[in-house]
Amino acid sequence: MENPCKNNLRCDNCSSHFMQLRPGIKDFKISKHFERDLKNKDERQQIVEKILSCQALEHEQLHKFEMNIKGNKIFRAKINGVHIVYYVTKSKELVFLRAIKNFQEYEHFLNVEIESFLNF
């Protein structure tokens, strides 16, 4: 996976947390929950590409750092009203966890369920 950020010092669409991790990310995975949340394969692929390529979204909407759980950096993107939850592992792999349309469901996931998902 090639780093789309040509300027390694600062990318306008990357948060500082994500910018530190992005050069080392070489691969990504998609969880079964993410596939179930976004059943349309084309839509899922477009969202994955937007996040991986940092295209056309302000960094507040694309790579919002949420928390660090056992060395895994949890991020959220908001694309077309859908909250995309993903994380970067200690081994620099990006994993797409969930795509949640309801903000309250997203908050519940982040506060209650996320640790169980890190072991998918």
C-alpha atoms as a PDB file:
ATOM      1  CA  MET A   1       0.000   0.000   0.000  1.00  0.00           C
ATOM      2  CA  GLU A   2       1.537   3.276  -1.084  1.00  0.00           C
ATOM      3  CA  ASN A   3       1.348   6.356   1.135  1.00  0.00           C
ATOM      4  CA  PRO A   4      -0.774   8.928  -0.748  1.00  0.00           C
ATOM      5  CA  CYS A   5       0.546  11.825   1.333  1.00  0.00           C
ATOM      6  CA  LYS A   6       3.272  13.307  -0.848  1.00  0.00           C
ATOM      7  CA  ASN A   7       4.375  15.758   1.832  1.00  0.00           C
ATOM      8  CA  ASN A   8       5.602  13.559   4.683  1.00  0.00           C
ATOM      9  CA  LEU A   9       5.843  16.555   7.002  1.00  0.00           C
ATOM     10  CA  ARG A  10       2.184  17.533   6.867  1.00  0.00           C
ATOM     11  CA  CYS A  11      -0.875  16.381   4.976  1.00  0.00           C
ATOM     12  CA  ASP A  12      -3.801  18.811   5.041  1.00  0.00           C
ATOM     13  CA  ASN A  13      -6.306  15.977   5.374  1.00  0.00           C
ATOM     14  CA  CYS A  14      -4.543  13.955   8.091  1.00  0.00           C
ATOM     15  CA  SER A  15      -4.777  14.582  11.811  1.00  0.00           C
ATOM     16  CA  SER A  16      -1.457  14.701  13.638  1.00  0.00           C
ATOM     17  CA  HIS A  17      -2.128  11.271  15.211  1.00  0.00           C
ATOM     18  CA  PHE A  18      -2.901   9.650  11.863  1.00  0.00           C
ATOM     19  CA  MET A  19      -0.036  11.439  10.091  1.00  0.00           C
ATOM     20  CA  GLN A  20       2.438   9.855  12.506  1.00  0.00           C
ATOM     21  CA  LEU A  21       1.097   6.385  11.705  1.00  0.00           C
ATOM     22  CA  ARG A  22       0.268   6.683   7.985  1.00  0.00           C
ATOM     23  CA  PRO A  23       3.783   6.222   6.530  1.00  0.00           C
ATOM     24  CA  GLY A  24       4.101   2.853   8.312  1.00  0.00           C
ATOM     25  CA  ILE A  25       0.716   1.411   7.289  1.00  0.00           C
ATOM     26  CA  LYS A  26       1.289  -1.307   4.713  1.00  0.00           C
ATOM     27  CA  ASP A  27      -1.938  -3.305   4.785  1.00  0.00           C
ATOM     28  CA  PHE A  28      -5.575  -3.165   5.863  1.00  0.00           C
ATOM     29  CA  LYS A  29      -8.353  -5.560   6.870  1.00  0.00           C
ATOM     30  CA  ILE A  30     -12.121  -5.302   6.863  1.00  0.00           C
ATOM     31  CA  SER A  31     -14.063  -6.897   9.705  1.00  0.00           C
ATOM     32  CA  LYS A  32     -17.215  -8.954   9.137  1.00  0.00           C
ATOM     33  CA  HIS A  33     -19.176  -6.327  11.090  1.00  0.00           C
ATOM     34  CA  PHE A  34     -17.978  -3.607   8.724  1.00  0.00           C
ATOM     35  CA  GLU A  35     -19.087  -5.730   5.763  1.00  0.00           C
ATOM     36  CA  ARG A  36     -22.509  -6.258   7.376  1.00  0.00           C
ATOM     37  CA  ASP A  37     -22.852  -2.561   8.198  1.00  0.00           C
ATOM     38  CA  LEU A  38     -22.071  -1.590   4.587  1.00  0.00           C
ATOM     39  CA  LYS A  39     -23.603  -4.332   2.473  1.00  0.00           C
ATOM     40  CA  ASN A  40     -23.015  -2.494  -0.808  1.00  0.00           C
ATOM     41  CA  LYS A  41     -19.542  -3.582  -1.899  1.00  0.00           C
ATOM     42  CA  ASP A  42     -18.999  -0.526  -4.138  1.00  0.00           C
ATOM     43  CA  GLU A  43     -19.935   1.897  -1.345  1.00  0.00           C
ATOM     44  CA  ARG A  44     -17.665   0.010   1.055  1.00  0.00           C
ATOM     45  CA  GLN A  45     -14.786   0.158  -1.418  1.00  0.00           C
ATOM     46  CA  GLN A  46     -15.262   3.909  -1.990  1.00  0.00           C
ATOM     47  CA  ILE A  47     -15.186   4.620   1.739  1.00  0.00           C
ATOM     48  CA  VAL A  48     -12.078   2.486   2.252  1.00  0.00           C
ATOM     49  CA  GLU A  49     -10.336   4.293  -0.612  1.00  0.00           C
ATOM     50  CA  LYS A  50     -11.279   7.729   0.765  1.00  0.00           C
ATOM     51  CA  ILE A  51      -9.842   6.888   4.157  1.00  0.00           C
ATOM     52  CA  LEU A  52      -6.687   5.277   2.797  1.00  0.00           C
ATOM     53  CA  SER A  53      -6.007   8.015   0.267  1.00  0.00           C
ATOM     54  CA  CYS A  54      -7.023  10.969   2.495  1.00  0.00           C
ATOM     55  CA  GLN A  55      -8.994  12.460  -0.372  1.00  0.00           C
ATOM     56  CA  ALA A  56     -11.382  15.365  -0.426  1.00  0.00           C
ATOM     57  CA  LEU A  57     -12.407  15.574   3.208  1.00  0.00           C
ATOM     58  CA  GLU A  58     -11.331  17.885   5.994  1.00  0.00           C
ATOM     59  CA  HIS A  59      -9.212  16.157   8.603  1.00  0.00           C
ATOM     60  CA  GLU A  60     -11.870  16.732  11.275  1.00  0.00           C
ATOM     61  CA  GLN A  61     -14.159  14.451   9.262  1.00  0.00           C
ATOM     62  CA  LEU A  62     -11.559  11.938   8.126  1.00  0.00           C
ATOM     63  CA  HIS A  63      -9.102  10.907  10.841  1.00  0.00           C
ATOM     64  CA  LYS A  64     -10.492  11.938  14.225  1.00  0.00           C
ATOM     65  CA  PHE A  65      -8.410  10.260  16.913  1.00  0.00           C
ATOM     66  CA  GLU A  66     -10.682   8.746  19.562  1.00  0.00           C
ATOM     67  CA  MET A  67      -8.520   6.720  21.931  1.00  0.00           C
ATOM     68  CA  ASN A  68      -5.632   4.352  22.482  1.00  0.00           C
ATOM     69  CA  ILE A  69      -6.511   0.854  23.719  1.00  0.00           C
ATOM     70  CA  LYS A  70      -3.572  -1.434  24.463  1.00  0.00           C
ATOM     71  CA  GLY A  71      -1.441   0.279  21.800  1.00  0.00           C
ATOM     72  CA  ASN A  72      -4.187   0.218  19.159  1.00  0.00           C
ATOM     73  CA  LYS A  73      -5.038   3.727  17.909  1.00  0.00           C
ATOM     74  CA  ILE A  74      -8.796   4.113  17.365  1.00  0.00           C
ATOM     75  CA  PHE A  75     -10.023   6.619  14.754  1.00  0.00           C
ATOM     76  CA  ARG A  76     -13.338   7.755  13.315  1.00  0.00           C
ATOM     77  CA  ALA A  77     -14.255   9.176   9.956  1.00  0.00           C
ATOM     78  CA  LYS A  78     -17.620  10.674   9.119  1.00  0.00           C
ATOM     79  CA  ILE A  79     -18.549  10.170   5.495  1.00  0.00           C
ATOM     80  CA  ASN A  80     -22.058  10.921   4.186  1.00  0.00           C
ATOM     81  CA  GLY A  81     -23.450  10.843   7.722  1.00  0.00           C
ATOM     82  CA  VAL A  82     -21.940   7.431   8.505  1.00  0.00           C
ATOM     83  CA  HIS A  83     -19.425   7.060  11.345  1.00  0.00           C
ATOM     84  CA  ILE A  84     -16.608   4.789  10.176  1.00  0.00           C
ATOM     85  CA  VAL A  85     -14.657   3.317  13.105  1.00  0.00           C
ATOM     86  CA  TYR A  86     -11.215   1.948  12.351  1.00  0.00           C
ATOM     87  CA  TYR A  87      -7.935   1.424  14.143  1.00  0.00           C
ATOM     88  CA  VAL A  88      -4.242   1.028  13.520  1.00  0.00           C
ATOM     89  CA  THR A  89      -2.652  -1.939  15.251  1.00  0.00           C
ATOM     90  CA  LYS A  90       0.725  -1.982  16.947  1.00  0.00           C
ATOM     91  CA  SER A  91       2.009  -3.825  13.860  1.00  0.00           C
ATOM     92  CA  LYS A  92       0.822  -0.920  11.615  1.00  0.00           C
ATOM     93  CA  GLU A  93      -2.154  -2.623  10.033  1.00  0.00           C
ATOM     94  CA  LEU A  94      -5.339  -0.599   9.503  1.00  0.00           C
ATOM     95  CA  VAL A  95      -8.539  -2.463  10.446  1.00  0.00           C
ATOM     96  CA  PHE A  96     -12.025  -1.223   9.543  1.00  0.00           C
ATOM     97  CA  LEU A  97     -14.352  -2.163  12.420  1.00  0.00           C
ATOM     98  CA  ARG A  98     -17.815  -0.657  11.976  1.00  0.00           C
ATOM     99  CA  ALA A  99     -19.899   1.727   9.888  1.00  0.00           C
ATOM    100  CA  ILE A 100     -22.580   3.223  12.134  1.00  0.00           C
ATOM    101  CA  LYS A 101     -25.298   5.644  10.997  1.00  0.00           C
ATOM    102  CA  ASN A 102     -26.719   6.570  14.403  1.00  0.00           C
ATOM    103  CA  PHE A 103     -24.476   8.770  16.597  1.00  0.00           C
ATOM    104  CA  GLN A 104     -25.847   7.361  19.852  1.00  0.00           C
ATOM    105  CA  GLU A 105     -25.149   3.823  18.653  1.00  0.00           C
ATOM    106  CA  TYR A 106     -21.635   4.970  17.707  1.00  0.00           C
ATOM    107  CA  GLU A 107     -21.092   6.434  21.212  1.00  0.00           C
ATOM    108  CA  HIS A 108     -22.343   3.210  22.810  1.00  0.00           C
ATOM    109  CA  PHE A 109     -19.996   1.178  20.605  1.00  0.00           C
ATOM    110  CA  LEU A 110     -17.036   3.378  21.527  1.00  0.00           C
ATOM    111  CA  ASN A 111     -17.769   3.353  25.256  1.00  0.00           C
ATOM    112  CA  VAL A 112     -18.946  -0.233  25.766  1.00  0.00           C
ATOM    113  CA  GLU A 113     -18.238  -2.628  22.904  1.00  0.00           C
ATOM    114  CA  ILE A 114     -14.976  -1.594  21.259  1.00  0.00           C
ATOM    115  CA  GLU A 115     -12.549  -3.683  23.314  1.00  0.00           C
ATOM    116  CA  SER A 116     -14.300  -6.906  22.329  1.00  0.00           C
ATOM    117  CA  PHE A 117     -14.014  -5.903  18.655  1.00  0.00           C
ATOM    118  CA  LEU A 118     -10.247  -5.445  18.838  1.00  0.00           C
ATOM    119  CA  ASN A 119      -9.931  -9.219  19.004  1.00  0.00           C
ATOM    120  CA  PHE A 120     -12.032 -10.025  15.904  1.00  0.00           C
END
